[in-house]
């Protein structure tokens, strides 16, 4: 367990991890603070962050299992201690870590007698099993256990219909929620108009990511949701009354780029998100699926790297090169060894 001193500042907004621990391979805990906040702001942030942590973060899990010669979900197999239904429940509890998108295949192929655990799952290289000791079944006799699995990355909780399958294929309720629980509390200090708040945020995860990673992911997802409002154009808004009222110009991405070029200190590239590059939706989605979220992430890749992205085309690369050249006067190397 790690503890740090809380250093309150009345001048700049700061966040800090004040406690972190690993209770088990499938249970991580972290406690964070954000301060100083004006009265009421802690509730605004706490409510949004708690929902983003529990609902908006993606996770990877097993969504379907198939085994031949299984008449129905509640049947039993000679030589296997658990029923088919119990095995499906155990598979549902397997914790996976992956950045994959779409459906991937995995399998279990073992012969008893033996205990079958998550370690016996044959999965793609892109999928990591967080706890290989998770129990699946106990084979008490020399019988074969062959199960085909489907793995998918998603978010939230999806209940699949339990209709019996004729081919021995059964859906598994998908629990794509890396964050097990999230709570927030508020500490107020000061008097009268000088009253300020400290936000305490507690996060428990299933081990597929740390609480700090979950906090970063939830924050980034909230930013993605609000980006469209920053891209609003003045022509989209019409006021019929108070025409003489002064309206400050909207803050656009072009303004930010101009300021970036003028500012000698510059803005760190990790704080410029690809959402702000105004790329076509298909190009943007391909980059996001490849974990390219900021300008720094993008510049860490070559043109050759981008062409390896699934569904990426040469036109997409040209669009990115044109954007980088136009706004930043920089380009991407053709390959990792280009200088």
Protein backbone atom coordinates (compact mmCIF):
# COMPACT_ATOMS: atom_id res chain seq x y z
CA UNK A 1 0.00 0.00 0.00
CA UNK A 2 1.28 3.43 -0.95
CA UNK A 3 0.35 6.60 0.90
CA UNK A 4 1.36 10.14 0.02
CA UNK A 5 0.97 13.41 1.84
CA UNK A 6 -1.89 15.62 0.74
CA UNK A 7 -0.57 19.00 -0.26
CA UNK A 8 -3.43 21.49 -0.56
CA UNK A 9 -2.95 24.38 -2.92
CA UNK A 10 -5.19 27.40 -3.08
CA UNK A 11 -3.76 28.64 -6.39
CA UNK A 12 -3.88 25.79 -8.92
CA UNK A 13 -6.15 22.79 -9.37
CA UNK A 14 -4.23 19.61 -8.55
CA UNK A 15 -4.98 15.90 -8.38
CA UNK A 16 -3.03 13.21 -6.57
CA UNK A 17 -3.16 9.49 -5.78
CA UNK A 18 -3.16 9.30 -1.99
CA UNK A 19 -3.59 5.53 -1.63
CA UNK A 20 -3.17 2.48 -3.86
CA UNK A 21 -3.03 -1.22 -3.20
CA UNK A 22 -3.38 -4.62 -4.87
CA UNK A 23 -5.69 -6.85 -2.83
CA UNK A 24 -5.49 -9.69 -5.37
CA UNK A 25 -4.88 -10.25 -9.07
CA UNK A 26 -8.54 -9.40 -9.67
CA UNK A 27 -8.96 -6.53 -7.23
CA UNK A 28 -7.05 -3.24 -7.38
CA UNK A 29 -7.86 -0.19 -5.27
CA UNK A 30 -6.97 3.48 -5.69
CA UNK A 31 -7.95 6.68 -3.87
CA UNK A 32 -7.49 10.08 -5.50
CA UNK A 33 -8.09 13.72 -4.59
CA UNK A 34 -8.76 16.80 -6.68
CA UNK A 35 -8.49 20.26 -5.09
CA UNK A 36 -9.09 23.09 -4.53
CA UNK A 37 -12.60 23.28 -6.03
CA UNK A 38 -15.21 26.00 -5.69
CA UNK A 39 -18.40 25.20 -3.83
CA UNK A 40 -20.55 22.77 -5.85
CA UNK A 41 -17.86 21.78 -8.35
CA UNK A 42 -16.93 18.60 -6.48
CA UNK A 43 -20.45 17.22 -6.97
CA UNK A 44 -20.41 18.13 -10.67
CA UNK A 45 -17.15 16.29 -11.27
CA UNK A 46 -17.85 13.41 -8.89
CA UNK A 47 -21.20 12.47 -10.48
CA UNK A 48 -19.80 12.60 -14.02
CA UNK A 49 -16.64 10.69 -13.18
CA UNK A 50 -18.46 7.93 -11.28
CA UNK A 51 -20.78 7.27 -14.20
CA UNK A 52 -17.95 7.42 -16.74
CA UNK A 53 -15.91 4.97 -14.67
CA UNK A 54 -18.75 2.45 -14.34
CA UNK A 55 -20.31 2.74 -17.80
CA UNK A 56 -17.99 4.31 -20.36
CA UNK A 57 -14.81 2.23 -19.96
CA UNK A 58 -14.41 -0.74 -22.30
CA UNK A 59 -13.39 -4.22 -21.23
CA UNK A 60 -12.73 -7.61 -22.83
CA UNK A 61 -14.59 -10.77 -21.91
CA UNK A 62 -15.77 -14.16 -23.19
CA UNK A 63 -19.16 -13.79 -24.89
CA UNK A 64 -19.86 -17.28 -26.30
CA UNK A 65 -18.86 -20.92 -25.71
CA UNK A 66 -19.40 -23.92 -27.95
CA UNK A 67 -18.93 -27.59 -27.16
CA UNK A 68 -20.10 -30.51 -29.27
CA UNK A 69 -22.44 -33.21 -27.96
CA UNK A 70 -24.00 -30.94 -25.34
CA UNK A 71 -27.79 -31.32 -25.50
CA UNK A 72 -28.64 -28.23 -23.43
CA UNK A 73 -27.19 -25.67 -21.03
CA UNK A 74 -28.20 -27.52 -17.84
CA UNK A 75 -26.92 -30.94 -18.88
CA UNK A 76 -24.10 -32.80 -17.12
CA UNK A 77 -21.15 -34.57 -18.67
CA UNK A 78 -19.82 -37.86 -17.32
CA UNK A 79 -16.40 -37.37 -15.78
CA UNK A 80 -16.84 -33.61 -15.21
CA UNK A 81 -17.78 -32.41 -11.74
CA UNK A 82 -19.50 -29.20 -12.92
CA UNK A 83 -22.61 -28.98 -15.09
CA UNK A 84 -22.48 -27.11 -18.40
CA UNK A 85 -24.25 -24.16 -16.75
CA UNK A 86 -21.63 -23.97 -13.99
CA UNK A 87 -18.82 -24.05 -16.54
CA UNK A 88 -20.44 -21.14 -18.42
CA UNK A 89 -20.65 -19.15 -15.18
CA UNK A 90 -16.96 -19.83 -14.50
CA UNK A 91 -16.06 -18.68 -18.02
CA UNK A 92 -18.03 -15.49 -17.41
CA UNK A 93 -15.75 -14.68 -14.47
CA UNK A 94 -12.52 -14.92 -16.50
CA UNK A 95 -10.78 -11.51 -16.50
CA UNK A 96 -9.03 -10.58 -19.75
CA UNK A 97 -6.87 -7.66 -20.80
CA UNK A 98 -6.74 -6.64 -24.46
CA UNK A 99 -6.96 -3.73 -26.88
CA UNK A 100 -8.58 -5.80 -29.61
CA UNK A 101 -11.76 -4.82 -31.44
CA UNK A 102 -14.18 -7.20 -33.09
CA UNK A 103 -14.58 -10.87 -32.24
CA UNK A 104 -11.56 -13.11 -31.60
CA UNK A 105 -11.50 -16.89 -31.18
CA UNK A 106 -9.99 -18.91 -28.34
CA UNK A 107 -10.31 -22.51 -27.20
CA UNK A 108 -9.84 -25.06 -24.42
CA UNK A 109 -8.65 -28.57 -25.29
CA UNK A 110 -7.62 -30.75 -22.31
CA UNK A 111 -7.91 -34.33 -21.13
CA UNK A 112 -8.62 -35.45 -17.57
CA UNK A 113 -8.29 -36.20 -14.85
CA UNK A 114 -7.15 -32.66 -13.97
CA UNK A 115 -8.29 -29.25 -12.82
CA UNK A 116 -9.02 -26.91 -15.70
CA UNK A 117 -8.16 -23.24 -15.10
CA UNK A 118 -7.85 -20.08 -17.17
CA UNK A 119 -4.27 -21.10 -17.89
CA UNK A 120 -5.63 -23.82 -20.20
CA UNK A 121 -7.28 -21.26 -22.49
CA UNK A 122 -5.51 -21.00 -25.85
CA UNK A 123 -6.00 -17.33 -26.74
CA UNK A 124 -4.65 -14.93 -29.41
CA UNK A 125 -1.38 -13.10 -28.60
CA UNK A 126 -3.33 -9.85 -28.27
CA UNK A 127 -5.34 -11.23 -25.32
CA UNK A 128 -3.84 -11.54 -21.83
CA UNK A 129 -5.42 -13.55 -19.02
CA UNK A 130 -5.17 -11.53 -15.80
CA UNK A 131 -5.50 -14.45 -13.37
CA UNK A 132 -4.50 -17.81 -14.87
CA UNK A 133 -5.57 -19.64 -11.68
CA UNK A 134 -9.28 -18.89 -12.17
CA UNK A 135 -11.20 -22.19 -11.96
CA UNK A 136 -13.22 -23.50 -14.92
CA UNK A 137 -13.90 -27.20 -14.32
CA UNK A 138 -12.70 -30.35 -12.57
CA UNK A 139 -12.24 -33.44 -14.77
CA UNK A 140 -12.48 -36.49 -12.50
CA UNK A 141 -12.04 -39.13 -15.24
CA UNK A 142 -9.98 -39.50 -18.44
CA UNK A 143 -12.43 -37.54 -20.60
CA UNK A 144 -11.81 -34.80 -23.16
CA UNK A 145 -13.03 -31.25 -22.67
CA UNK A 146 -13.14 -29.24 -25.89
CA UNK A 147 -14.66 -25.75 -25.85
CA UNK A 148 -14.53 -23.09 -28.56
CA UNK A 149 -14.71 -19.55 -27.21
CA UNK A 150 -15.48 -16.12 -28.61
CA UNK A 151 -13.83 -13.04 -27.09
CA UNK A 152 -15.06 -9.49 -27.61
CA UNK A 153 -14.21 -6.01 -26.38
CA UNK A 154 -17.22 -3.90 -25.41
CA UNK A 155 -18.55 -1.70 -22.63
CA UNK A 156 -21.29 -2.09 -20.05
CA UNK A 157 -23.32 -5.20 -19.31
CA UNK A 158 -25.16 -7.11 -22.03
CA UNK A 159 -27.61 -9.91 -21.22
CA UNK A 160 -27.78 -12.53 -23.96
CA UNK A 161 -30.83 -14.72 -24.58
CA UNK A 162 -30.56 -18.21 -23.06
CA UNK A 163 -32.29 -20.07 -25.89
CA UNK A 164 -30.93 -23.58 -26.25
CA UNK A 165 -28.65 -23.97 -29.26
CA UNK A 166 -28.78 -26.92 -31.59
CA UNK A 167 -25.03 -26.87 -32.32
CA UNK A 168 -23.87 -26.69 -28.68
CA UNK A 169 -23.13 -22.97 -28.86
CA UNK A 170 -24.28 -20.86 -25.90
CA UNK A 171 -24.06 -17.09 -25.31
CA UNK A 172 -22.50 -15.80 -22.09
CA UNK A 173 -23.69 -12.62 -20.41
CA UNK A 174 -20.98 -10.06 -21.25
CA UNK A 175 -19.69 -8.08 -18.28
CA UNK A 176 -17.37 -5.60 -20.01
CA UNK A 177 -16.87 -3.47 -16.90
CA UNK A 178 -13.25 -3.26 -15.68
CA UNK A 179 -14.30 -0.96 -12.81
CA UNK A 180 -16.04 -2.97 -10.09
CA UNK A 181 -17.06 0.02 -8.02
CA UNK A 182 -16.48 3.77 -7.75
CA UNK A 183 -17.39 6.16 -4.94
CA UNK A 184 -16.75 9.82 -4.28
CA UNK A 185 -16.92 12.01 -1.19
CA UNK A 186 -16.45 15.72 -0.54
CA UNK A 187 -14.56 17.59 2.17
CA UNK A 188 -15.40 21.29 2.59
CA UNK A 189 -13.19 23.85 4.30
CA UNK A 190 -13.11 27.61 4.73
CA UNK A 191 -15.88 30.05 5.66
CA UNK A 192 -18.48 32.05 3.77
CA UNK A 193 -17.51 33.07 0.26
CA UNK A 194 -14.06 31.60 0.79
CA UNK A 195 -15.44 28.07 1.16
CA UNK A 196 -13.68 25.46 -1.00
CA UNK A 197 -13.96 21.72 -1.56
CA UNK A 198 -11.74 18.67 -1.95
CA UNK A 199 -13.05 15.76 -4.04
CA UNK A 200 -12.09 12.24 -2.90
CA UNK A 201 -12.55 9.52 -5.53
CA UNK A 202 -12.26 5.78 -4.77
CA UNK A 203 -11.90 3.22 -7.57
CA UNK A 204 -11.88 -0.60 -7.49
CA UNK A 205 -10.94 -2.47 -10.69
CA UNK A 206 -10.88 -6.14 -11.71
CA UNK A 207 -7.15 -6.14 -12.46
CA UNK A 208 -7.41 -5.68 -16.23
CA UNK A 209 -6.34 -2.09 -15.64
CA UNK A 210 -5.18 -0.06 -12.64
CA UNK A 211 -7.38 2.56 -10.93
CA UNK A 212 -5.08 5.27 -12.32
CA UNK A 213 -5.53 3.91 -15.86
CA UNK A 214 -9.30 3.75 -15.29
CA UNK A 215 -9.30 7.39 -14.15
CA UNK A 216 -7.38 8.43 -17.26
CA UNK A 217 -9.68 6.41 -19.56
CA UNK A 218 -12.86 7.82 -17.99
CA UNK A 219 -11.51 11.38 -18.22
CA UNK A 220 -10.61 10.91 -21.87
CA UNK A 221 -14.06 9.49 -22.66
CA UNK A 222 -15.73 12.50 -21.04
CA UNK A 223 -13.54 14.82 -23.12
CA UNK A 224 -14.54 12.92 -26.28
CA UNK A 225 -18.22 13.43 -25.45
CA UNK A 226 -17.80 17.22 -25.08
CA UNK A 227 -15.48 17.79 -28.07
CA UNK A 228 -18.41 18.40 -30.51
CA UNK A 229 -19.43 21.47 -28.52
CA UNK A 230 -15.95 22.95 -29.02
CA UNK A 231 -16.30 22.41 -32.78
CA UNK A 232 -19.54 24.40 -33.01
CA UNK A 233 -19.44 27.15 -35.60
CA UNK A 234 -20.76 30.65 -35.08
CA UNK A 235 -23.08 30.29 -38.09
CA UNK A 236 -24.97 27.48 -36.36
CA UNK A 237 -26.20 29.79 -33.59
CA UNK A 238 -28.84 32.45 -34.20
CA UNK A 239 -29.96 35.11 -31.73
CA UNK A 240 -32.99 37.19 -32.61
CA UNK A 241 -32.92 39.35 -29.50
CA UNK A 242 -30.20 41.55 -28.04
CA UNK A 243 -28.41 41.86 -31.38
CA UNK A 244 -26.18 44.55 -29.99
CA UNK A 245 -24.96 42.33 -27.18
CA UNK A 246 -21.25 41.50 -27.40
CA UNK A 247 -20.64 37.80 -28.06
CA UNK A 248 -17.09 36.52 -27.53
CA UNK A 249 -15.74 34.47 -30.45
CA UNK A 250 -16.01 30.71 -30.10
CA UNK A 251 -12.81 28.85 -29.33
CA UNK A 252 -12.02 26.71 -32.36
CA UNK A 253 -9.29 24.25 -33.15
CA UNK A 254 -7.79 26.67 -35.70
CA UNK A 255 -7.47 29.30 -32.95
CA UNK A 256 -5.65 26.78 -30.79
CA UNK A 257 -3.25 25.86 -33.60
CA UNK A 258 -2.49 29.53 -34.27
CA UNK A 259 -1.82 30.11 -30.59
CA UNK A 260 0.35 27.01 -30.51
CA UNK A 261 2.58 28.37 -33.27
CA UNK A 262 2.83 31.78 -31.59
CA UNK A 263 3.41 30.44 -28.09
CA UNK A 264 7.11 29.87 -27.51
CA UNK A 265 6.45 27.39 -24.74
CA UNK A 266 3.93 25.52 -26.85
CA UNK A 267 1.30 23.03 -25.72
CA UNK A 268 2.50 19.50 -24.86
CA UNK A 269 1.56 17.17 -27.71
CA UNK A 270 -0.01 14.72 -25.26
CA UNK A 271 -2.69 17.33 -24.50
CA UNK A 272 -3.78 17.71 -28.14
CA UNK A 273 -6.30 14.94 -28.86
CA UNK A 274 -6.86 13.54 -32.36
CA UNK A 275 -10.52 14.53 -31.88
CA UNK A 276 -9.33 18.09 -32.55
CA UNK A 277 -7.67 17.27 -35.88
CA UNK A 278 -11.10 17.18 -37.57
CA UNK A 279 -10.31 13.98 -39.44
CA UNK A 280 -13.00 12.02 -41.32
CA UNK A 281 -15.04 9.80 -38.95
CA UNK A 282 -13.74 6.53 -40.45
CA UNK A 283 -10.09 7.60 -40.14
CA UNK A 284 -10.69 8.86 -36.60
CA UNK A 285 -12.35 5.58 -35.53
CA UNK A 286 -9.50 3.47 -36.97
CA UNK A 287 -6.94 5.50 -35.00
CA UNK A 288 -8.96 5.24 -31.78
CA UNK A 289 -9.26 1.46 -32.16
CA UNK A 290 -5.45 1.32 -32.41
CA UNK A 291 -5.03 3.27 -29.14
CA UNK A 292 -3.90 6.45 -30.90
CA UNK A 293 -5.59 9.16 -28.85
CA UNK A 294 -3.28 12.17 -28.87
CA UNK A 295 -1.00 13.97 -31.29
CA UNK A 296 1.95 12.49 -29.41
CA UNK A 297 0.57 8.98 -30.02
CA UNK A 298 0.17 9.76 -33.73
CA UNK A 299 3.70 11.12 -34.14
CA UNK A 300 5.07 7.93 -32.55
CA UNK A 301 3.97 6.02 -35.66
CA UNK A 302 5.35 5.92 -39.19
CA UNK A 303 3.33 5.86 -42.42
CA UNK A 304 4.10 2.16 -42.62
CA UNK A 305 2.69 1.65 -39.09
CA UNK A 306 -0.55 3.40 -40.02
CA UNK A 307 -1.01 1.22 -43.10
CA UNK A 308 -0.94 -1.85 -40.82
CA UNK A 309 -4.06 -0.61 -39.01
CA UNK A 310 -7.13 -2.69 -39.82
CA UNK A 311 -9.34 -1.10 -42.54
CA UNK A 312 -6.83 1.74 -43.05
CA UNK A 313 -6.31 2.99 -46.62
CA UNK A 314 -3.61 5.02 -48.36
CA UNK A 315 -6.14 7.87 -48.66
CA UNK A 316 -6.42 7.97 -44.85
CA UNK A 317 -2.65 8.31 -44.49
CA UNK A 318 -2.60 11.15 -47.05
CA UNK A 319 -5.38 12.93 -45.14
CA UNK A 320 -3.36 12.70 -41.90
CA UNK A 321 -0.16 13.90 -43.62
CA UNK A 322 -1.98 16.88 -45.14
CA UNK A 323 -3.43 17.84 -41.74
CA UNK A 324 -0.07 17.59 -39.97
CA UNK A 325 1.67 19.59 -42.71
CA UNK A 326 -1.01 22.27 -42.85
CA UNK A 327 -1.30 22.96 -39.13
CA UNK A 328 2.05 21.88 -37.67
CA UNK A 329 4.46 21.86 -40.66
CA UNK A 330 5.55 18.34 -39.71
CA UNK A 331 5.24 14.93 -41.34
CA UNK A 332 5.52 11.26 -40.50
CA UNK A 333 8.47 9.10 -41.61
CA UNK A 334 7.71 6.44 -44.19
CA UNK A 335 8.99 3.73 -41.84
CA UNK A 336 10.59 3.38 -38.42
CA UNK A 337 14.09 3.62 -39.88
CA UNK A 338 13.55 6.79 -41.90
CA UNK A 339 15.58 9.82 -40.84
